[in-house]
């Protein structure tokens, strides 16, 4: 009989007063008993509305049914057959706007905790040494994947299952893309990312790090080396700034740089070789998940005061509600309807304050959100020694500038067709490099779609 509780089974978390001083994972996950109890809330709808909300079309009712019966190994077999990175998605996917938003149980209560169950199954499999072994018959064709983020890893995994020899070229010294450099340890432990990449390598995928495509090798040179197709999943790692006075002062970071120093270079570890200001008062400009990550990291790095400065109201925040909730619990101060005017520094060129102005919401802009308008005479100074800009990113222009015939739109994203092909034959693209910064699961969906198109393209040439 179904568990008809209107609320999700509660998940254990670190105490906020403790966790804002460490980088250990905030959520502790379900026990087996808790997972089975929550799985009992699923009604097993025949039309599977939840699956329709998943960008990679996970067989959600089927894997949850196995969890309900305690058949965790079978649940993992079903889950991993659809999703190349289940342990990652169970932690960082915005389920509340995707699969869980379609859940029938959400009409009169809380939806089934699909993300928590996905995480439980993936973690159980890892802890019990289970892997989804796939018998692969090689077809002799090679495909190159540029970037080892969620789009690249998913595309490579799907192609490897089809029998292709896949090589992933990663610009940094560690694979994982945004999963490694962008998302903090307390949300996504790097050991989990490493294990997911190892799973890909076991299927025959090769990963070459420190390979900046467009510098070390061009895409044309990849074709010369015998690759039949190239997938560009290089993400959107070029940070944007506001172009206000003072952005060149010491103590102003892009969120990308700040998070990379912490997540990839382990700046929070005593004696780490990468330098990072140990700030006392930090302003993070922006309202997305990246802004939340940067603010929560700054708090863990010892800042007494950390502000989120966002020019719209709380209802317009693009960040996940869970991340906002956790940030508030950890003592992050939200300055809504506030915009920076300039950053000012001392005689040594170090940040000592940010001049701001209060805003009010006017008429809707092109995005449909009400446009923030400055309130005359409301300027004030915010005393901070560090400013982190988290207002968005765009794709790095290196690949398009070194690949003749590869076209991009005005935002710097590669122009793609419905089948993920670009304006150059044999080159495909997906994820943030094609859409601009988006979610991990959308990038994975793009990688999965592109793999199917690449397979069809290569077969059409035979």
Protein backbone atom coordinates (compact mmCIF):
# COMPACT_ATOMS: atom_id res chain seq x y z
CA UNK A 1 0.00 0.00 0.00
CA UNK A 2 1.29 3.46 -0.90
CA UNK A 3 2.62 5.77 1.80
CA UNK A 4 0.07 8.61 1.61
CA UNK A 5 1.99 11.07 3.78
CA UNK A 6 1.65 14.56 2.22
CA UNK A 7 5.27 15.42 3.07
CA UNK A 8 8.63 14.01 2.04
CA UNK A 9 10.63 11.90 4.45
CA UNK A 10 12.95 14.39 6.14
CA UNK A 11 16.63 14.21 5.20
CA UNK A 12 19.37 14.68 7.77
CA UNK A 13 21.69 17.68 7.43
CA UNK A 14 24.66 19.14 9.24
CA UNK A 15 23.76 21.82 11.80
CA UNK A 16 24.07 25.26 10.09
CA UNK A 17 26.27 26.66 12.87
CA UNK A 18 28.69 23.78 12.36
CA UNK A 19 28.63 23.38 8.59
CA UNK A 20 29.33 27.04 7.81
CA UNK A 21 32.83 26.40 9.16
CA UNK A 22 33.59 23.28 7.13
CA UNK A 23 33.43 22.00 3.56
CA UNK A 24 31.82 18.64 4.37
CA UNK A 25 28.59 17.76 2.57
CA UNK A 26 25.56 19.58 3.99
CA UNK A 27 22.99 16.87 3.31
CA UNK A 28 23.72 13.48 4.87
CA UNK A 29 21.37 11.51 2.60
CA UNK A 30 18.71 8.89 3.29
CA UNK A 31 19.23 5.64 5.14
CA UNK A 32 17.93 2.51 3.42
CA UNK A 33 14.82 2.55 5.62
CA UNK A 34 14.14 6.23 4.88
CA UNK A 35 14.61 5.66 1.14
CA UNK A 36 12.16 2.74 1.13
CA UNK A 37 9.64 4.78 3.11
CA UNK A 38 9.88 7.74 0.70
CA UNK A 39 9.73 5.43 -2.33
CA UNK A 40 6.42 4.16 -0.93
CA UNK A 41 4.94 7.62 -1.65
CA UNK A 42 5.27 7.05 -5.40
CA UNK A 43 1.98 6.10 -7.05
CA UNK A 44 3.68 4.55 -10.10
CA UNK A 45 1.58 6.62 -12.52
CA UNK A 46 1.18 4.83 -15.85
CA UNK A 47 1.60 7.99 -17.90
CA UNK A 48 4.87 8.82 -16.02
CA UNK A 49 4.56 12.63 -15.89
CA UNK A 50 7.77 12.84 -13.83
CA UNK A 51 9.79 11.22 -16.60
CA UNK A 52 8.52 13.84 -19.05
CA UNK A 53 10.07 16.50 -16.82
CA UNK A 54 13.53 14.89 -16.89
CA UNK A 55 15.94 16.14 -19.60
CA UNK A 56 17.58 12.69 -19.81
CA UNK A 57 14.29 10.75 -19.50
CA UNK A 58 15.19 8.64 -16.46
CA UNK A 59 12.79 5.71 -15.88
CA UNK A 60 11.71 7.27 -12.60
CA UNK A 61 8.69 5.15 -11.52
CA UNK A 62 10.58 1.96 -12.41
CA UNK A 63 13.70 2.68 -10.33
CA UNK A 64 11.62 4.00 -7.42
CA UNK A 65 9.49 0.84 -7.45
CA UNK A 66 12.66 -1.19 -6.94
CA UNK A 67 13.76 1.06 -4.08
CA UNK A 68 10.39 0.54 -2.40
CA UNK A 69 11.00 -3.22 -2.42
CA UNK A 70 14.60 -2.87 -1.23
CA UNK A 71 16.02 -4.04 -4.58
CA UNK A 72 18.70 -1.35 -4.68
CA UNK A 73 20.97 -3.11 -7.18
CA UNK A 74 18.14 -3.37 -9.70
CA UNK A 75 17.18 0.25 -9.02
CA UNK A 76 20.76 1.26 -9.88
CA UNK A 77 20.75 -0.82 -13.06
CA UNK A 78 17.61 1.00 -14.26
CA UNK A 79 18.81 4.44 -13.14
CA UNK A 80 22.33 4.22 -14.57
CA UNK A 81 20.98 2.90 -17.86
CA UNK A 82 19.38 6.31 -18.45
CA UNK A 83 21.66 8.66 -16.51
CA UNK A 84 25.45 8.69 -16.84
CA UNK A 85 25.93 10.73 -13.63
CA UNK A 86 23.23 9.72 -11.12
CA UNK A 87 25.22 10.58 -7.97
CA UNK A 88 25.84 14.06 -9.38
CA UNK A 89 22.26 14.66 -10.52
CA UNK A 90 20.84 13.46 -7.22
CA UNK A 91 22.70 16.33 -5.58
CA UNK A 92 22.69 19.30 -7.94
CA UNK A 93 19.69 18.89 -10.29
CA UNK A 94 16.85 21.41 -9.84
CA UNK A 95 14.32 18.60 -9.43
CA UNK A 96 11.79 21.04 -8.04
CA UNK A 97 11.39 22.64 -11.48
CA UNK A 98 11.80 19.43 -13.50
CA UNK A 99 10.75 15.88 -12.59
CA UNK A 100 9.31 16.72 -9.15
CA UNK A 101 7.30 19.61 -10.58
CA UNK A 102 5.33 17.05 -12.63
CA UNK A 103 4.74 14.63 -9.73
CA UNK A 104 1.05 14.00 -9.02
CA UNK A 105 1.75 13.85 -5.27
CA UNK A 106 2.74 17.51 -5.46
CA UNK A 107 -0.84 18.60 -6.22
CA UNK A 108 -2.04 18.21 -2.62
CA UNK A 109 1.27 18.03 -0.81
CA UNK A 110 4.97 17.62 -1.47
CA UNK A 111 6.11 15.66 -4.54
CA UNK A 112 8.05 12.43 -4.17
CA UNK A 113 11.71 13.20 -3.32
CA UNK A 114 13.00 11.89 -6.65
CA UNK A 115 16.38 13.62 -6.34
CA UNK A 116 17.02 12.26 -2.85
CA UNK A 117 16.13 8.75 -4.00
CA UNK A 118 18.41 9.08 -7.03
CA UNK A 119 21.26 10.12 -4.76
CA UNK A 120 20.57 7.24 -2.36
CA UNK A 121 20.63 4.62 -5.11
CA UNK A 122 23.84 5.98 -6.67
CA UNK A 123 25.56 6.24 -3.29
CA UNK A 124 24.45 2.74 -2.28
CA UNK A 125 25.87 1.34 -5.51
CA UNK A 126 29.19 3.11 -5.01
CA UNK A 127 29.49 2.09 -1.36
CA UNK A 128 28.72 -1.53 -2.24
CA UNK A 129 31.16 -1.67 -5.14
CA UNK A 130 28.43 -2.01 -7.74
CA UNK A 131 29.00 -0.82 -11.28
CA UNK A 132 26.78 -1.03 -14.30
CA UNK A 133 28.90 -3.31 -16.46
CA UNK A 134 28.08 -2.94 -20.13
CA UNK A 135 29.33 -5.36 -22.79
CA UNK A 136 30.66 -3.17 -25.56
CA UNK A 137 31.55 -4.24 -29.07
CA UNK A 138 33.95 -1.70 -30.56
CA UNK A 139 33.11 -0.35 -34.03
CA UNK A 140 36.57 1.03 -34.83
CA UNK A 141 35.52 4.68 -35.19
CA UNK A 142 36.97 7.52 -33.12
CA UNK A 143 35.13 10.57 -31.74
CA UNK A 144 36.70 13.53 -29.94
CA UNK A 145 34.92 15.32 -27.10
CA UNK A 146 36.11 18.79 -26.11
CA UNK A 147 35.44 19.43 -22.42
CA UNK A 148 34.84 17.02 -19.54
CA UNK A 149 31.88 18.76 -17.93
CA UNK A 150 28.40 17.23 -17.75
CA UNK A 151 27.69 17.62 -21.48
CA UNK A 152 31.02 16.14 -22.53
CA UNK A 153 30.96 13.29 -20.02
CA UNK A 154 27.42 12.30 -20.98
CA UNK A 155 28.10 12.46 -24.71
CA UNK A 156 31.29 10.44 -24.27
CA UNK A 157 29.55 7.84 -22.12
CA UNK A 158 26.72 7.35 -24.61
CA UNK A 159 29.15 7.05 -27.53
CA UNK A 160 31.35 4.60 -25.62
CA UNK A 161 28.30 2.38 -25.03
CA UNK A 162 27.69 2.45 -28.79
CA UNK A 163 31.21 1.11 -29.42
CA UNK A 164 33.10 4.28 -30.33
CA UNK A 165 36.64 4.98 -29.17
CA UNK A 166 36.13 8.28 -27.37
CA UNK A 167 38.80 10.72 -26.24
CA UNK A 168 37.86 13.61 -23.97
CA UNK A 169 40.15 16.64 -24.16
CA UNK A 170 40.08 18.71 -20.95
CA UNK A 171 41.81 22.10 -20.71
CA UNK A 172 42.39 21.95 -16.94
CA UNK A 173 44.58 19.51 -15.01
CA UNK A 174 41.56 17.74 -13.52
CA UNK A 175 38.57 16.32 -15.37
CA UNK A 176 34.99 17.20 -14.48
CA UNK A 177 34.53 20.72 -15.82
CA UNK A 178 32.12 22.77 -13.72
CA UNK A 179 31.51 19.70 -11.54
CA UNK A 180 35.12 19.98 -10.37
CA UNK A 181 35.90 23.71 -10.48
CA UNK A 182 32.50 25.30 -9.96
CA UNK A 183 30.35 23.37 -7.49
CA UNK A 184 31.65 23.38 -3.90
CA UNK A 185 32.61 20.25 -2.00
CA UNK A 186 29.76 20.75 0.49
CA UNK A 187 27.24 20.37 -2.35
CA UNK A 188 29.10 17.87 -4.53
CA UNK A 189 32.08 15.96 -3.07
CA UNK A 190 34.85 15.69 -5.65
CA UNK A 191 35.39 12.02 -4.84
CA UNK A 192 31.95 11.38 -6.35
CA UNK A 193 32.91 13.22 -9.55
CA UNK A 194 36.13 11.20 -9.73
CA UNK A 195 34.23 7.92 -9.37
CA UNK A 196 31.77 8.88 -12.11
CA UNK A 197 34.65 9.68 -14.47
CA UNK A 198 36.33 6.37 -13.59
CA UNK A 199 33.13 4.62 -14.65
CA UNK A 200 33.39 6.25 -18.06
CA UNK A 201 37.04 5.22 -18.38
CA UNK A 202 36.13 1.61 -17.58
CA UNK A 203 33.88 1.66 -20.64
CA UNK A 204 36.90 2.60 -22.73
CA UNK A 205 36.69 6.38 -22.72
CA UNK A 206 40.06 8.13 -22.59
CA UNK A 207 40.59 11.47 -20.81
CA UNK A 208 43.49 13.77 -21.72
CA UNK A 209 43.96 16.70 -19.34
CA UNK A 210 45.93 19.93 -19.90
CA UNK A 211 44.70 19.87 -23.50
CA UNK A 212 43.49 23.30 -24.55
CA UNK A 213 41.78 22.71 -27.87
CA UNK A 214 42.43 25.77 -30.00
CA UNK A 215 45.92 26.13 -28.51
CA UNK A 216 47.60 22.73 -28.13
CA UNK A 217 45.58 21.22 -30.95
CA UNK A 218 42.99 22.70 -33.30
CA UNK A 219 39.74 20.95 -34.15
CA UNK A 220 41.00 20.57 -37.72
CA UNK A 221 44.05 18.73 -36.37
CA UNK A 222 41.72 16.37 -34.48
CA UNK A 223 40.09 15.45 -37.79
CA UNK A 224 43.56 14.94 -39.28
CA UNK A 225 44.24 12.45 -36.47
CA UNK A 226 41.36 10.27 -37.61
CA UNK A 227 38.45 11.43 -35.47
CA UNK A 228 35.22 11.05 -37.43
CA UNK A 229 33.34 13.70 -35.44
CA UNK A 230 33.98 16.26 -32.70
CA UNK A 231 31.61 17.22 -29.90
CA UNK A 232 32.21 20.64 -28.34
CA UNK A 233 31.09 20.66 -24.71
CA UNK A 234 33.50 23.31 -23.48
CA UNK A 235 30.94 25.08 -21.30
CA UNK A 236 30.63 28.77 -20.53
CA UNK A 237 33.60 29.68 -18.41
CA UNK A 238 34.23 33.27 -19.48
CA UNK A 239 33.08 35.51 -16.59
CA UNK A 240 31.10 38.70 -17.05
CA UNK A 241 31.64 41.94 -15.15
CA UNK A 242 29.43 44.98 -14.63
CA UNK A 243 31.90 47.48 -16.14
CA UNK A 244 31.59 49.78 -13.12
CA UNK A 245 34.49 51.79 -11.64
CA UNK A 246 36.82 49.85 -9.34
CA UNK A 247 36.51 46.35 -10.81
CA UNK A 248 40.29 46.25 -11.22
CA UNK A 249 41.01 46.71 -7.51
CA UNK A 250 42.69 44.03 -5.40
CA UNK A 251 39.89 42.05 -3.76
CA UNK A 252 37.54 41.90 -6.76
CA UNK A 253 37.01 38.39 -8.10
CA UNK A 254 34.86 36.75 -10.71
CA UNK A 255 32.88 33.93 -9.10
CA UNK A 256 34.60 31.56 -11.54
CA UNK A 257 38.05 32.46 -10.27
CA UNK A 258 37.00 32.45 -6.62
CA UNK A 259 35.30 29.07 -6.84
CA UNK A 260 38.08 27.53 -8.93
CA UNK A 261 40.67 28.51 -6.33
CA UNK A 262 38.54 26.92 -3.62
CA UNK A 263 37.14 23.85 -5.36
CA UNK A 264 39.91 22.84 -7.75
CA UNK A 265 42.95 24.29 -5.98
CA UNK A 266 41.71 23.54 -2.42
CA UNK A 267 42.39 27.04 -1.06
CA UNK A 268 40.49 26.10 2.10
CA UNK A 269 43.12 23.52 3.06
CA UNK A 270 45.84 24.81 5.37
CA UNK A 271 49.04 25.39 3.38
CA UNK A 272 47.33 25.21 -0.02
CA UNK A 273 49.58 26.64 -2.77
CA UNK A 274 46.89 28.86 -4.31
CA UNK A 275 46.48 32.33 -2.76
CA UNK A 276 43.08 33.64 -1.70
CA UNK A 277 42.19 36.67 0.38
CA UNK A 278 40.93 35.73 3.83
CA UNK A 279 38.22 38.33 3.83
CA UNK A 280 36.30 39.78 6.76
CA UNK A 281 33.39 41.28 4.82
CA UNK A 282 32.31 40.03 1.39
CA UNK A 283 29.73 41.20 -1.15
CA UNK A 284 28.60 38.69 -3.77
CA UNK A 285 26.82 40.38 -6.67
CA UNK A 286 24.18 38.17 -8.30
CA UNK A 287 21.30 35.89 -7.36
CA UNK A 288 21.88 32.54 -9.06
CA UNK A 289 23.24 29.24 -7.77
CA UNK A 290 26.79 30.41 -8.48
CA UNK A 291 26.26 33.45 -6.26
CA UNK A 292 24.97 31.19 -3.46
CA UNK A 293 27.98 28.90 -3.87
CA UNK A 294 30.43 31.81 -3.73
CA UNK A 295 28.73 33.37 -0.68
CA UNK A 296 28.61 30.11 1.24
CA UNK A 297 32.27 29.43 0.40
CA UNK A 298 33.26 32.92 1.61
CA UNK A 299 31.53 32.22 4.92
CA UNK A 300 33.42 28.95 5.28
CA UNK A 301 36.67 30.75 4.47
CA UNK A 302 36.19 32.81 7.64
CA UNK A 303 34.33 35.98 6.59
CA UNK A 304 32.36 37.55 9.41
CA UNK A 305 29.83 39.19 7.09
CA UNK A 306 28.75 37.91 3.68
CA UNK A 307 26.15 39.78 1.61
CA UNK A 308 24.21 38.67 -1.46
CA UNK A 309 23.58 41.86 -3.45
CA UNK A 310 20.72 41.35 -5.89
CA UNK A 311 18.96 44.05 -7.88
CA UNK A 312 15.54 42.37 -7.84
CA UNK A 313 13.40 40.96 -5.02
CA UNK A 314 13.50 37.57 -3.32
CA UNK A 315 10.71 36.17 -5.51
CA UNK A 316 12.81 36.84 -8.61
CA UNK A 317 15.92 35.01 -7.33
CA UNK A 318 16.98 32.47 -9.99
CA UNK A 319 18.83 30.28 -7.45
CA UNK A 320 17.29 27.04 -6.22
CA UNK A 321 15.07 27.52 -3.17
CA UNK A 322 17.07 24.87 -1.32
CA UNK A 323 20.32 26.79 -1.87
CA UNK A 324 18.74 30.07 -0.73
CA UNK A 325 17.34 28.33 2.36
CA UNK A 326 20.74 26.84 3.20
CA UNK A 327 22.48 30.19 2.66
CA UNK A 328 20.09 31.95 5.03
CA UNK A 329 20.57 29.21 7.64
CA UNK A 330 24.33 29.72 7.39
CA UNK A 331 24.11 33.44 8.11
CA UNK A 332 24.33 34.93 4.63
CA UNK A 333 22.71 38.40 4.55
CA UNK A 334 20.50 39.15 1.54
CA UNK A 335 20.42 42.72 0.23
CA UNK A 336 17.51 42.63 -2.19
CA UNK A 337 16.58 45.47 -4.58
CA UNK A 338 20.17 46.70 -4.41
CA UNK A 339 22.65 47.39 -7.21
CA UNK A 340 26.36 48.30 -7.12
CA UNK A 341 27.41 51.67 -8.56
CA UNK A 342 31.16 51.50 -7.98
CA UNK A 343 33.84 49.75 -5.95
CA UNK A 344 36.28 51.90 -4.01
CA UNK A 345 39.66 51.16 -2.49
CA UNK A 346 42.31 52.40 -0.10
CA UNK A 347 45.67 54.01 -0.94
CA UNK A 348 47.14 50.55 -1.64
CA UNK A 349 44.48 49.69 -4.20
CA UNK A 350 42.58 47.26 -1.99
CA UNK A 351 38.79 47.16 -1.80
CA UNK A 352 37.32 48.89 1.25
CA UNK A 353 33.74 49.61 0.22
CA UNK A 354 31.13 49.27 -2.51
CA UNK A 355 28.81 52.15 -3.34
CA UNK A 356 25.25 50.88 -3.92
CA UNK A 357 21.80 52.20 -4.73
CA UNK A 358 18.37 50.88 -3.78
CA UNK A 359 16.08 49.71 -6.56
CA UNK A 360 12.36 49.25 -7.12
CA UNK A 361 10.61 47.02 -9.63
CA UNK A 362 9.08 48.70 -12.67
CA UNK A 363 7.54 47.29 -15.84
CA UNK A 364 8.48 43.80 -17.12
CA UNK A 365 11.55 43.60 -19.38
CA UNK A 366 12.20 41.24 -22.33
CA UNK A 367 12.65 38.28 -19.94
CA UNK A 368 9.19 38.84 -18.47
CA UNK A 369 10.56 39.90 -15.10
CA UNK A 370 9.86 43.37 -13.74
CA UNK A 371 12.74 45.69 -14.56
CA UNK A 372 14.66 47.09 -11.57
CA UNK A 373 14.70 50.90 -11.52
CA UNK A 374 17.03 53.02 -9.28
CA UNK A 375 15.44 54.91 -6.41
CA UNK A 376 16.68 58.49 -6.58
CA UNK A 377 18.70 59.61 -3.55
CA UNK A 378 19.01 56.09 -2.06
CA UNK A 379 22.77 55.65 -2.50
CA UNK A 380 24.70 54.11 0.39
CA UNK A 381 28.10 52.57 1.13
CA UNK A 382 28.60 48.92 1.96
CA UNK A 383 31.86 48.37 3.85
CA UNK A 384 33.46 45.27 2.37
CA UNK A 385 37.01 44.13 1.61
CA UNK A 386 36.07 41.66 -1.13
CA UNK A 387 33.60 41.77 -4.02
CA UNK A 388 32.71 38.65 -6.01
CA UNK A 389 30.95 39.13 -9.34
CA UNK A 390 28.49 36.30 -10.02
CA UNK A 391 26.40 37.87 -12.77
CA UNK A 392 26.85 35.27 -15.48
CA UNK A 393 29.31 33.70 -17.88
CA UNK A 394 29.64 33.16 -21.62
CA UNK A 395 31.52 30.62 -23.77
CA UNK A 396 35.25 31.15 -24.24
CA UNK A 397 35.87 32.39 -27.82
CA UNK A 398 39.01 30.26 -28.32
CA UNK A 399 37.41 27.36 -30.21
CA UNK A 400 35.27 29.44 -32.54
CA UNK A 401 38.17 31.82 -33.26
CA UNK A 402 40.48 28.95 -34.26
CA UNK A 403 37.99 26.92 -36.28
CA UNK A 404 37.14 28.37 -39.72
CA UNK A 405 33.46 28.16 -40.61
CA UNK A 406 32.26 27.68 -37.04
CA UNK A 407 29.64 30.34 -36.41
CA UNK A 408 28.48 31.81 -33.09
CA UNK A 409 25.59 34.06 -32.11
CA UNK A 410 25.92 37.49 -30.52
CA UNK A 411 26.23 35.89 -27.06
CA UNK A 412 29.23 33.86 -28.19
CA UNK A 413 27.35 30.53 -28.22
CA UNK A 414 27.97 28.18 -31.15
CA UNK A 415 25.09 28.11 -33.61
CA UNK A 416 23.52 24.64 -33.62
CA UNK A 417 20.71 22.90 -35.47
CA UNK A 418 18.07 20.62 -33.96
CA UNK A 419 20.38 17.62 -34.22
CA UNK A 420 23.16 19.49 -32.31
CA UNK A 421 25.25 19.90 -35.48
CA UNK A 422 27.05 23.21 -36.03
CA UNK A 423 27.86 25.22 -39.15
CA UNK A 424 30.89 22.97 -39.75
CA UNK A 425 30.31 19.41 -40.95
CA UNK A 426 31.28 16.81 -38.39
CA UNK A 427 31.31 19.26 -35.47
CA UNK A 428 28.53 19.02 -32.91
CA UNK A 429 27.90 21.10 -29.81
CA UNK A 430 25.77 21.00 -26.69
CA UNK A 431 25.44 22.29 -23.15
CA UNK A 432 26.53 25.77 -22.07
CA UNK A 433 28.73 26.23 -25.16
CA UNK A 434 25.53 26.19 -27.23
CA UNK A 435 22.99 27.73 -24.84
CA UNK A 436 24.96 29.85 -22.40
CA UNK A 437 25.13 28.99 -18.71
CA UNK A 438 22.37 26.56 -17.66
CA UNK A 439 21.93 23.55 -15.38
CA UNK A 440 23.97 20.35 -15.16
CA UNK A 441 21.03 18.15 -16.19
CA UNK A 442 20.20 20.27 -19.25
CA UNK A 443 23.83 19.98 -20.35
CA UNK A 444 23.62 16.22 -19.84
CA UNK A 445 20.44 16.05 -21.90
CA UNK A 446 22.21 17.95 -24.68
CA UNK A 447 25.18 15.57 -24.53
CA UNK A 448 22.89 12.54 -24.74
CA UNK A 449 21.02 14.02 -27.70
CA UNK A 450 24.25 14.92 -29.49
CA UNK A 451 25.65 11.39 -29.08
CA UNK A 452 22.65 9.98 -30.94
CA UNK A 453 23.11 12.54 -33.73
CA UNK A 454 26.85 11.83 -33.97
CA UNK A 455 26.17 8.11 -34.28
CA UNK A 456 23.65 8.75 -37.08
CA UNK A 457 26.06 11.14 -38.82
CA UNK A 458 29.00 8.71 -38.81
CA UNK A 459 26.83 5.82 -40.01
CA UNK A 460 25.49 7.99 -42.85
CA UNK A 461 29.04 8.46 -44.11
CA UNK A 462 29.69 4.74 -44.57
